[in-house]
Amino acid sequence: MEMKEFYYENGIRVSLFNLDHKAVPFHFHQTVSDMIYCSKGSIKIELPEIGGLYKVATGNVFQIPPRVKHRFANGEENGQASRYVLLQLGCFDIEFLDDTSSLQDMLKETELKLDSSTPVYIENRKDEILTLANKFSRNKPDVLTNEENNDVVEALKLFASEGITSPYPDKRAVIA
């Protein structure tokens, strides 16, 4: 897994993940949600406490509410790359989990939901997200390749155009 962190200002954090076949460890956030845009391959999202196992295809978005334990993995066959852009709004926090065997057990009988997507809630940050997309389209962060930067710009524009301009409705909501 390759994580590229390149922007965190004014309560907006943008990162890019190139996934091999090692999962991002189980973790959760107290105050921020994870909004992802799958830009290459597919992403498997595991939400054991709510019995969710999702496969997010290229071009789809998915939001995980605060305080929901989760992890991401490459949803493709071994040897095939996957990538996602992560957007988080607010004060970033993260708590990694040490003992994950019980979480993994919760998913043993869970059916994988294919071609998954959820609405994304962007609070009142639409204009800021669009401004950021325009900034990156003019000035590529050094850490990103041209292809990765194009993915970031596309993701931010999609979050802004399709995002719901309100806070996440219920921080303990179950994803359908």
N, C-alpha and C. Protein backbone atom coordinates (compact mmCIF):
# COMPACT_ATOMS: atom_id res chain seq x y z
N MET A 1 0.85 -1.17 0.00
CA MET A 1 0.00 0.00 0.00
C MET A 1 0.89 1.23 0.00
N GLU A 2 0.53 2.17 -0.83
CA GLU A 2 1.24 3.44 -0.89
C GLU A 2 0.25 4.56 -0.59
N MET A 3 0.54 5.32 0.46
CA MET A 3 -0.32 6.43 0.85
C MET A 3 0.41 7.73 0.54
N LYS A 4 -0.29 8.63 -0.13
CA LYS A 4 0.28 9.94 -0.45
C LYS A 4 -0.58 11.01 0.20
N GLU A 5 -0.04 11.61 1.24
CA GLU A 5 -0.71 12.71 1.92
C GLU A 5 -0.13 14.00 1.37
N PHE A 6 -0.96 14.87 0.86
CA PHE A 6 -0.42 16.07 0.22
C PHE A 6 -1.21 17.34 0.50
N TYR A 7 -2.34 17.24 1.19
CA TYR A 7 -3.09 18.46 1.48
C TYR A 7 -3.89 18.29 2.77
N TYR A 8 -3.67 19.22 3.71
CA TYR A 8 -4.49 19.29 4.92
C TYR A 8 -4.46 20.73 5.41
N GLU A 9 -5.47 21.48 5.00
CA GLU A 9 -5.59 22.88 5.39
C GLU A 9 -7.06 23.22 5.58
N ASN A 10 -7.31 24.14 6.50
CA ASN A 10 -8.67 24.66 6.71
C ASN A 10 -9.71 23.56 6.89
N GLY A 11 -9.32 22.49 7.57
CA GLY A 11 -10.27 21.41 7.84
C GLY A 11 -10.60 20.54 6.65
N ILE A 12 -9.79 20.58 5.60
CA ILE A 12 -9.97 19.70 4.45
C ILE A 12 -8.69 18.88 4.28
N ARG A 13 -8.83 17.58 4.28
CA ARG A 13 -7.68 16.67 4.12
C ARG A 13 -7.92 15.81 2.88
N VAL A 14 -6.91 15.79 2.00
CA VAL A 14 -6.99 14.99 0.78
C VAL A 14 -5.77 14.08 0.73
N SER A 15 -6.00 12.79 0.49
CA SER A 15 -4.94 11.80 0.38
C SER A 15 -5.26 10.89 -0.79
N LEU A 16 -4.24 10.16 -1.24
CA LEU A 16 -4.42 9.20 -2.32
C LEU A 16 -3.76 7.90 -1.90
N PHE A 17 -4.43 6.79 -2.17
CA PHE A 17 -3.93 5.47 -1.79
C PHE A 17 -3.83 4.58 -3.03
N ASN A 18 -2.65 4.05 -3.28
CA ASN A 18 -2.43 3.01 -4.28
C ASN A 18 -2.37 1.70 -3.51
N LEU A 19 -3.31 0.81 -3.78
CA LEU A 19 -3.42 -0.41 -2.99
C LEU A 19 -2.82 -1.61 -3.70
N ASP A 20 -1.97 -2.31 -2.97
CA ASP A 20 -1.55 -3.64 -3.39
C ASP A 20 -2.54 -4.60 -2.73
N HIS A 21 -2.10 -5.70 -2.23
CA HIS A 21 -3.06 -6.62 -1.60
C HIS A 21 -2.86 -6.75 -0.10
N LYS A 22 -2.36 -5.68 0.50
CA LYS A 22 -2.33 -5.59 1.96
C LYS A 22 -3.39 -4.57 2.34
N ALA A 23 -4.28 -4.96 3.21
CA ALA A 23 -5.39 -4.08 3.60
C ALA A 23 -4.89 -2.94 4.48
N VAL A 24 -5.55 -1.80 4.36
CA VAL A 24 -5.36 -0.73 5.33
C VAL A 24 -5.88 -1.29 6.65
N PRO A 25 -5.14 -1.16 7.75
CA PRO A 25 -5.57 -1.76 9.02
C PRO A 25 -6.93 -1.23 9.50
N PHE A 26 -7.63 -2.06 10.29
CA PHE A 26 -8.89 -1.62 10.89
C PHE A 26 -8.63 -0.37 11.73
N HIS A 27 -9.52 0.59 11.59
CA HIS A 27 -9.41 1.84 12.32
C HIS A 27 -10.78 2.52 12.34
N PHE A 28 -10.83 3.64 13.05
CA PHE A 28 -12.03 4.48 13.02
C PHE A 28 -11.61 5.90 13.34
N HIS A 29 -12.53 6.81 13.12
CA HIS A 29 -12.31 8.24 13.37
C HIS A 29 -13.42 8.71 14.31
N GLN A 30 -13.06 9.48 15.31
CA GLN A 30 -14.06 10.02 16.24
C GLN A 30 -14.91 11.11 15.60
N THR A 31 -14.28 11.97 14.79
CA THR A 31 -15.00 13.17 14.34
C THR A 31 -15.13 13.32 12.84
N VAL A 32 -14.31 12.65 12.06
CA VAL A 32 -14.40 12.81 10.60
C VAL A 32 -14.92 11.53 9.96
N SER A 33 -15.53 11.70 8.81
CA SER A 33 -15.93 10.54 8.02
C SER A 33 -14.92 10.37 6.89
N ASP A 34 -14.89 9.19 6.32
CA ASP A 34 -14.06 8.92 5.14
C ASP A 34 -14.95 8.97 3.91
N MET A 35 -14.64 9.86 3.00
CA MET A 35 -15.30 9.90 1.69
C MET A 35 -14.28 9.41 0.68
N ILE A 36 -14.60 8.32 0.00
CA ILE A 36 -13.65 7.80 -0.98
C ILE A 36 -14.24 7.84 -2.38
N TYR A 37 -13.35 8.01 -3.32
CA TYR A 37 -13.66 7.92 -4.75
C TYR A 37 -12.71 6.88 -5.32
N CYS A 38 -13.24 5.81 -5.86
CA CYS A 38 -12.41 4.77 -6.46
C CYS A 38 -12.04 5.22 -7.87
N SER A 39 -10.74 5.43 -8.09
CA SER A 39 -10.30 5.94 -9.39
C SER A 39 -9.65 4.87 -10.27
N LYS A 40 -9.40 3.69 -9.70
CA LYS A 40 -8.78 2.61 -10.47
C LYS A 40 -9.09 1.28 -9.80
N GLY A 41 -9.45 0.28 -10.60
CA GLY A 41 -9.73 -1.04 -10.03
C GLY A 41 -11.01 -1.02 -9.22
N SER A 42 -10.95 -1.61 -8.03
CA SER A 42 -12.08 -1.59 -7.10
C SER A 42 -11.55 -1.66 -5.68
N ILE A 43 -12.35 -1.15 -4.76
CA ILE A 43 -11.97 -1.10 -3.35
C ILE A 43 -12.97 -1.93 -2.55
N LYS A 44 -12.46 -2.82 -1.72
CA LYS A 44 -13.32 -3.58 -0.81
C LYS A 44 -13.32 -2.84 0.53
N ILE A 45 -14.51 -2.56 1.03
CA ILE A 45 -14.66 -1.87 2.31
C ILE A 45 -15.31 -2.83 3.29
N GLU A 46 -14.68 -3.00 4.43
CA GLU A 46 -15.18 -3.91 5.47
C GLU A 46 -15.66 -3.09 6.66
N LEU A 47 -16.93 -3.28 7.02
CA LEU A 47 -17.57 -2.60 8.15
C LEU A 47 -18.17 -3.67 9.06
N PRO A 48 -17.36 -4.37 9.85
CA PRO A 48 -17.82 -5.55 10.56
C PRO A 48 -18.93 -5.30 11.58
N GLU A 49 -18.90 -4.20 12.29
CA GLU A 49 -19.89 -3.98 13.35
C GLU A 49 -21.30 -3.77 12.82
N ILE A 50 -21.41 -3.37 11.57
CA ILE A 50 -22.75 -3.22 10.99
C ILE A 50 -23.00 -4.27 9.91
N GLY A 51 -22.11 -5.26 9.85
CA GLY A 51 -22.32 -6.38 8.94
C GLY A 51 -22.22 -6.01 7.48
N GLY A 52 -21.31 -5.10 7.16
CA GLY A 52 -21.20 -4.64 5.79
C GLY A 52 -19.90 -5.02 5.13
N LEU A 53 -20.01 -5.52 3.91
CA LEU A 53 -18.85 -5.85 3.08
C LEU A 53 -19.19 -5.36 1.68
N TYR A 54 -18.47 -4.34 1.22
CA TYR A 54 -18.84 -3.64 -0.01
C TYR A 54 -17.68 -3.62 -0.99
N LYS A 55 -18.02 -3.69 -2.27
CA LYS A 55 -17.03 -3.53 -3.33
C LYS A 55 -17.41 -2.28 -4.11
N VAL A 56 -16.50 -1.30 -4.10
CA VAL A 56 -16.73 -0.02 -4.76
C VAL A 56 -15.94 0.00 -6.06
N ALA A 57 -16.65 0.12 -7.18
CA ALA A 57 -16.03 0.06 -8.50
C ALA A 57 -15.48 1.43 -8.91
N THR A 58 -14.64 1.41 -9.92
CA THR A 58 -14.08 2.64 -10.48
C THR A 58 -15.20 3.63 -10.81
N GLY A 59 -15.02 4.87 -10.36
CA GLY A 59 -15.98 5.93 -10.62
C GLY A 59 -17.04 6.11 -9.56
N ASN A 60 -17.10 5.19 -8.58
CA ASN A 60 -18.10 5.28 -7.52
C ASN A 60 -17.52 5.93 -6.26
N VAL A 61 -18.43 6.47 -5.44
CA VAL A 61 -18.06 7.10 -4.17
C VAL A 61 -18.72 6.34 -3.03
N PHE A 62 -18.13 6.47 -1.86
CA PHE A 62 -18.64 5.77 -0.67
C PHE A 62 -18.21 6.58 0.54
N GLN A 63 -19.12 6.73 1.51
CA GLN A 63 -18.79 7.48 2.72
C GLN A 63 -19.01 6.60 3.95
N ILE A 64 -18.03 6.63 4.83
CA ILE A 64 -18.09 5.88 6.08
C ILE A 64 -18.21 6.90 7.21
N PRO A 65 -19.26 6.79 8.03
CA PRO A 65 -19.48 7.78 9.09
C PRO A 65 -18.42 7.70 10.19
N PRO A 66 -18.31 8.76 10.99
CA PRO A 66 -17.42 8.71 12.15
C PRO A 66 -17.80 7.57 13.09
N ARG A 67 -16.81 7.08 13.81
CA ARG A 67 -16.94 6.06 14.86
C ARG A 67 -17.33 4.67 14.34
N VAL A 68 -17.31 4.46 13.05
CA VAL A 68 -17.58 3.14 12.49
C VAL A 68 -16.24 2.48 12.16
N LYS A 69 -15.98 1.34 12.79
CA LYS A 69 -14.73 0.62 12.55
C LYS A 69 -14.73 0.06 11.13
N HIS A 70 -13.60 0.25 10.44
CA HIS A 70 -13.55 -0.14 9.03
C HIS A 70 -12.11 -0.35 8.57
N ARG A 71 -12.02 -0.97 7.40
CA ARG A 71 -10.74 -1.03 6.69
C ARG A 71 -11.01 -1.14 5.20
N PHE A 72 -9.98 -0.81 4.43
CA PHE A 72 -10.04 -0.84 2.98
C PHE A 72 -9.06 -1.88 2.46
N ALA A 73 -9.42 -2.52 1.35
CA ALA A 73 -8.52 -3.46 0.69
C ALA A 73 -8.72 -3.36 -0.81
N ASN A 74 -7.75 -3.83 -1.55
CA ASN A 74 -7.85 -3.90 -3.00
C ASN A 74 -8.91 -4.95 -3.35
N GLY A 75 -9.89 -4.57 -4.15
CA GLY A 75 -10.96 -5.48 -4.52
C GLY A 75 -10.69 -6.27 -5.79
N GLU A 76 -9.50 -6.11 -6.36
CA GLU A 76 -9.15 -6.79 -7.61
C GLU A 76 -8.36 -8.07 -7.34
N GLU A 77 -8.14 -8.84 -8.39
CA GLU A 77 -7.31 -10.05 -8.31
C GLU A 77 -5.88 -9.66 -7.97
N ASN A 78 -5.13 -10.59 -7.37
CA ASN A 78 -3.72 -10.34 -7.07
C ASN A 78 -2.99 -9.86 -8.31
N GLY A 79 -2.15 -8.85 -8.11
CA GLY A 79 -1.37 -8.32 -9.21
C GLY A 79 -2.02 -7.15 -9.94
N GLN A 80 -3.30 -6.91 -9.69
CA GLN A 80 -3.99 -5.79 -10.32
C GLN A 80 -4.11 -4.64 -9.32
N ALA A 81 -3.77 -3.46 -9.78
CA ALA A 81 -3.74 -2.29 -8.91
C ALA A 81 -5.13 -1.69 -8.70
N SER A 82 -5.30 -1.06 -7.56
CA SER A 82 -6.49 -0.26 -7.26
C SER A 82 -6.03 1.04 -6.62
N ARG A 83 -6.87 2.05 -6.78
CA ARG A 83 -6.51 3.36 -6.22
C ARG A 83 -7.78 4.06 -5.75
N TYR A 84 -7.65 4.81 -4.65
CA TYR A 84 -8.76 5.67 -4.25
C TYR A 84 -8.25 6.99 -3.73
N VAL A 85 -9.11 8.00 -3.88
CA VAL A 85 -8.86 9.33 -3.34
C VAL A 85 -9.72 9.45 -2.09
N LEU A 86 -9.13 9.95 -1.01
CA LEU A 86 -9.80 10.10 0.27
C LEU A 86 -9.98 11.58 0.58
N LEU A 87 -11.20 11.97 0.91
CA LEU A 87 -11.51 13.33 1.35
C LEU A 87 -12.09 13.25 2.75
N GLN A 88 -11.54 14.08 3.65
CA GLN A 88 -12.06 14.17 5.01
C GLN A 88 -12.25 15.64 5.35
N LEU A 89 -13.36 15.95 6.01
CA LEU A 89 -13.68 17.31 6.40
C LEU A 89 -13.68 17.42 7.91
N GLY A 90 -13.00 18.41 8.45
CA GLY A 90 -12.95 18.60 9.89
C GLY A 90 -11.57 18.33 10.45
N CYS A 91 -11.52 18.17 11.74
CA CYS A 91 -10.26 17.95 12.45
C CYS A 91 -9.91 16.46 12.39
N PHE A 92 -8.84 16.13 11.67
CA PHE A 92 -8.48 14.74 11.45
C PHE A 92 -8.10 14.03 12.75
N ASP A 93 -8.59 12.82 12.88
CA ASP A 93 -8.20 11.93 13.98
C ASP A 93 -8.29 10.51 13.46
N ILE A 94 -7.51 9.62 14.05
CA ILE A 94 -7.56 8.21 13.65
C ILE A 94 -7.13 7.36 14.82
N GLU A 95 -7.82 6.24 15.00
CA GLU A 95 -7.47 5.27 16.03
C GLU A 95 -7.40 3.90 15.37
N PHE A 96 -6.18 3.33 15.36
CA PHE A 96 -5.99 1.99 14.82
C PHE A 96 -6.31 0.96 15.89
N LEU A 97 -6.81 -0.20 15.46
CA LEU A 97 -7.21 -1.25 16.39
C LEU A 97 -6.16 -2.35 16.41
N ASP A 98 -5.81 -2.81 17.61
CA ASP A 98 -4.79 -3.85 17.76
C ASP A 98 -5.37 -5.24 17.55
N ASP A 99 -6.40 -5.58 18.28
CA ASP A 99 -6.98 -6.92 18.21
C ASP A 99 -8.14 -6.89 17.22
N THR A 100 -7.93 -7.47 16.05
CA THR A 100 -8.96 -7.40 15.01
C THR A 100 -9.59 -8.75 14.69
N SER A 101 -9.19 -9.79 15.41
CA SER A 101 -9.74 -11.12 15.08
C SER A 101 -11.26 -11.17 15.27
N SER A 102 -11.76 -10.52 16.31
CA SER A 102 -13.22 -10.53 16.52
C SER A 102 -13.93 -9.75 15.41
N LEU A 103 -13.31 -8.68 14.91
CA LEU A 103 -13.90 -7.93 13.80
C LEU A 103 -13.93 -8.78 12.54
N GLN A 104 -12.86 -9.49 12.28
CA GLN A 104 -12.81 -10.35 11.10
C GLN A 104 -13.84 -11.47 11.20
N ASP A 105 -14.03 -12.00 12.41
CA ASP A 105 -15.04 -13.06 12.61
C ASP A 105 -16.44 -12.57 12.26
N MET A 106 -16.72 -11.30 12.54
CA MET A 106 -18.05 -10.75 12.26
C MET A 106 -18.39 -10.77 10.77
N LEU A 107 -17.38 -10.84 9.92
CA LEU A 107 -17.61 -10.78 8.47
C LEU A 107 -17.63 -12.13 7.79
N LYS A 108 -17.43 -13.21 8.55
CA LYS A 108 -17.30 -14.54 7.93
C LYS A 108 -18.50 -14.93 7.08
N GLU A 109 -19.68 -14.62 7.50
CA GLU A 109 -20.89 -15.01 6.77
C GLU A 109 -21.48 -13.85 5.97
N THR A 110 -20.74 -12.76 5.85
CA THR A 110 -21.27 -11.57 5.18
C THR A 110 -21.08 -11.67 3.68
N GLU A 111 -22.13 -11.39 2.95
CA GLU A 111 -22.08 -11.42 1.49
C GLU A 111 -21.54 -10.09 0.97
N LEU A 112 -20.64 -10.17 0.01
CA LEU A 112 -20.06 -8.98 -0.61
C LEU A 112 -21.10 -8.31 -1.50
N LYS A 113 -21.34 -7.02 -1.25
CA LYS A 113 -22.28 -6.25 -2.08
C LYS A 113 -21.47 -5.57 -3.18
N LEU A 114 -21.76 -5.95 -4.42
CA LEU A 114 -20.99 -5.46 -5.56
C LEU A 114 -21.48 -4.10 -6.03
N ASP A 115 -20.60 -3.38 -6.70
CA ASP A 115 -20.91 -2.09 -7.32
C ASP A 115 -21.58 -1.14 -6.33
N SER A 116 -21.01 -1.07 -5.14
CA SER A 116 -21.60 -0.27 -4.07
C SER A 116 -21.25 1.21 -4.21
N SER A 117 -22.16 2.03 -3.73
CA SER A 117 -21.98 3.47 -3.72
C SER A 117 -22.93 4.04 -2.66
N THR A 118 -22.55 5.15 -2.06
CA THR A 118 -23.42 5.83 -1.10
C THR A 118 -23.44 7.31 -1.44
N PRO A 119 -24.42 8.04 -0.93
CA PRO A 119 -24.34 9.50 -1.03
C PRO A 119 -23.15 9.99 -0.20
N VAL A 120 -22.64 11.17 -0.53
CA VAL A 120 -21.60 11.79 0.28
C VAL A 120 -22.12 13.14 0.78
N TYR A 121 -21.82 13.42 2.02
CA TYR A 121 -22.26 14.65 2.67
C TYR A 121 -21.05 15.56 2.84
N ILE A 122 -21.09 16.71 2.16
CA ILE A 122 -19.92 17.59 2.13
C ILE A 122 -20.11 18.86 2.97
N GLU A 123 -21.07 18.82 3.87
CA GLU A 123 -21.36 19.96 4.74
C GLU A 123 -21.61 21.20 3.87
N ASN A 124 -21.04 22.33 4.25
CA ASN A 124 -21.21 23.55 3.44
C ASN A 124 -19.90 23.88 2.73
N ARG A 125 -19.16 22.85 2.30
CA ARG A 125 -17.80 23.02 1.78
C ARG A 125 -17.69 22.90 0.26
N LYS A 126 -18.81 22.93 -0.45
CA LYS A 126 -18.79 22.72 -1.90
C LYS A 126 -17.84 23.68 -2.61
N ASP A 127 -17.95 24.98 -2.33
CA ASP A 127 -17.10 25.96 -3.01
C ASP A 127 -15.63 25.73 -2.70
N GLU A 128 -15.31 25.39 -1.46
CA GLU A 128 -13.92 25.13 -1.09
C GLU A 128 -13.37 23.90 -1.81
N ILE A 129 -14.20 22.87 -1.95
CA ILE A 129 -13.77 21.65 -2.63
C ILE A 129 -13.52 21.94 -4.11
N LEU A 130 -14.41 22.72 -4.74
CA LEU A 130 -14.21 23.09 -6.14
C LEU A 130 -12.97 23.96 -6.32
N THR A 131 -12.75 24.89 -5.41
CA THR A 131 -11.55 25.72 -5.47
C THR A 131 -10.30 24.87 -5.38
N LEU A 132 -10.34 23.88 -4.52
CA LEU A 132 -9.20 22.97 -4.37
C LEU A 132 -8.99 22.15 -5.65
N ALA A 133 -10.06 21.68 -6.26
CA ALA A 133 -9.95 20.94 -7.53
C ALA A 133 -9.29 21.81 -8.60
N ASN A 134 -9.71 23.06 -8.67
CA ASN A 134 -9.12 23.99 -9.65
C ASN A 134 -7.65 24.26 -9.34
N LYS A 135 -7.32 24.37 -8.07
CA LYS A 135 -5.92 24.58 -7.66
C LYS A 135 -5.05 23.42 -8.12
N PHE A 136 -5.53 22.18 -7.88
CA PHE A 136 -4.74 21.01 -8.26
C PHE A 136 -4.69 20.84 -9.78
N SER A 137 -5.71 21.29 -10.50
CA SER A 137 -5.66 21.17 -11.96
C SER A 137 -4.62 22.13 -12.54
N ARG A 138 -4.35 23.24 -11.84
CA ARG A 138 -3.33 24.19 -12.29
C ARG A 138 -1.94 23.85 -11.76
N ASN A 139 -1.86 23.32 -10.53
CA ASN A 139 -0.58 23.07 -9.88
C ASN A 139 -0.59 21.69 -9.24
N LYS A 140 0.03 20.74 -9.91
CA LYS A 140 0.08 19.36 -9.41
C LYS A 140 1.00 19.28 -8.19
N PRO A 141 0.53 18.68 -7.10
CA PRO A 141 1.43 18.43 -5.97
C PRO A 141 2.60 17.55 -6.41
N ASP A 142 3.80 17.86 -5.94
CA ASP A 142 5.01 17.14 -6.37
C ASP A 142 4.94 15.64 -6.13
N VAL A 143 4.25 15.23 -5.09
CA VAL A 143 4.22 13.82 -4.71
C VAL A 143 3.36 12.96 -5.65
N LEU A 144 2.53 13.61 -6.46
CA LEU A 144 1.60 12.88 -7.33
C LEU A 144 2.12 12.78 -8.76
N THR A 145 1.81 11.65 -9.41
CA THR A 145 2.04 11.54 -10.86
C THR A 145 0.94 12.32 -11.57
N ASN A 146 1.09 12.53 -12.87
CA ASN A 146 0.03 13.22 -13.63
C ASN A 146 -1.28 12.46 -13.55
N GLU A 147 -1.23 11.13 -13.69
CA GLU A 147 -2.44 10.31 -13.62
C GLU A 147 -3.10 10.43 -12.24
N GLU A 148 -2.31 10.36 -11.19
CA GLU A 148 -2.86 10.49 -9.83
C GLU A 148 -3.49 11.86 -9.62
N ASN A 149 -2.82 12.90 -10.10
CA ASN A 149 -3.36 14.24 -9.96
C ASN A 149 -4.69 14.38 -10.70
N ASN A 150 -4.76 13.82 -11.91
CA ASN A 150 -6.03 13.84 -12.65
C ASN A 150 -7.13 13.13 -11.86
N ASP A 151 -6.78 12.03 -11.20
CA ASP A 151 -7.75 11.31 -10.37
C ASP A 151 -8.24 12.17 -9.22
N VAL A 152 -7.32 12.90 -8.59
CA VAL A 152 -7.68 13.77 -7.46
C VAL A 152 -8.62 14.87 -7.92
N VAL A 153 -8.29 15.52 -9.03
CA VAL A 153 -9.14 16.59 -9.56
C VAL A 153 -10.53 16.05 -9.89
N GLU A 154 -10.58 14.90 -10.55
CA GLU A 154 -11.86 14.28 -10.90
C GLU A 154 -12.67 13.95 -9.64
N ALA A 155 -12.00 13.40 -8.64
CA ALA A 155 -12.69 13.04 -7.39
C ALA A 155 -13.27 14.28 -6.71
N LEU A 156 -12.47 15.32 -6.58
CA LEU A 156 -12.94 16.53 -5.91
C LEU A 156 -14.12 17.16 -6.65
N LYS A 157 -14.04 17.18 -7.96
CA LYS A 157 -15.17 17.73 -8.74
C LYS A 157 -16.43 16.89 -8.55
N LEU A 158 -16.26 15.58 -8.49
CA LEU A 158 -17.41 14.70 -8.27
C LEU A 158 -18.00 14.89 -6.87
N PHE A 159 -17.13 14.96 -5.86
CA PHE A 159 -17.62 15.20 -4.50
C PHE A 159 -18.41 16.51 -4.45
N ALA A 160 -17.90 17.55 -5.10
CA ALA A 160 -18.57 18.85 -5.07
C ALA A 160 -19.88 18.83 -5.85
N SER A 161 -19.90 18.17 -7.01
CA SER A 161 -21.10 18.20 -7.84
C SER A 161 -22.20 17.28 -7.33
N GLU A 162 -21.82 16.14 -6.77
CA GLU A 162 -22.82 15.18 -6.31
C GLU A 162 -23.01 15.16 -4.80
N GLY A 163 -22.14 15.86 -4.08
CA GLY A 163 -22.22 15.87 -2.62
C GLY A 163 -23.45 16.60 -2.11
N ILE A 164 -23.95 16.12 -1.01
CA ILE A 164 -25.10 16.74 -0.34
C ILE A 164 -24.56 17.78 0.63
N THR A 165 -25.02 19.02 0.47
CA THR A 165 -24.46 20.13 1.25
C THR A 165 -25.11 20.22 2.63
N SER A 166 -24.87 19.20 3.41
CA SER A 166 -25.30 19.18 4.81
C SER A 166 -24.37 18.22 5.55
N PRO A 167 -24.35 18.32 6.89
CA PRO A 167 -23.55 17.37 7.65
C PRO A 167 -24.10 15.96 7.50
N TYR A 168 -23.27 14.98 7.82
CA TYR A 168 -23.73 13.60 7.80
C TYR A 168 -24.95 13.51 8.71
N PRO A 169 -26.06 12.88 8.27
CA PRO A 169 -27.33 12.98 8.99
C PRO A 169 -27.32 12.38 10.39
N ASP A 170 -26.62 11.29 10.59
CA ASP A 170 -26.60 10.64 11.90
C ASP A 170 -25.27 9.93 12.01
N LYS A 171 -24.44 10.39 12.90
CA LYS A 171 -23.08 9.86 13.00
C LYS A 171 -23.05 8.38 13.35
N ARG A 172 -24.13 7.81 13.80
CA ARG A 172 -24.18 6.37 14.10
C ARG A 172 -25.06 5.63 13.09
N ALA A 173 -25.37 6.30 11.98
CA ALA A 173 -26.26 5.69 10.98
C ALA A 173 -25.64 4.44 10.40
N VAL A 174 -26.49 3.52 10.05
CA VAL A 174 -26.06 2.29 9.40
C VAL A 174 -26.14 2.51 7.90
N ILE A 175 -25.10 2.13 7.21
CA ILE A 175 -25.06 2.26 5.76
C ILE A 175 -25.93 1.17 5.17
N ALA A 176 -26.82 1.55 4.27
CA ALA A 176 -27.73 0.57 3.65
C ALA A 176 -27.05 -0.17 2.53
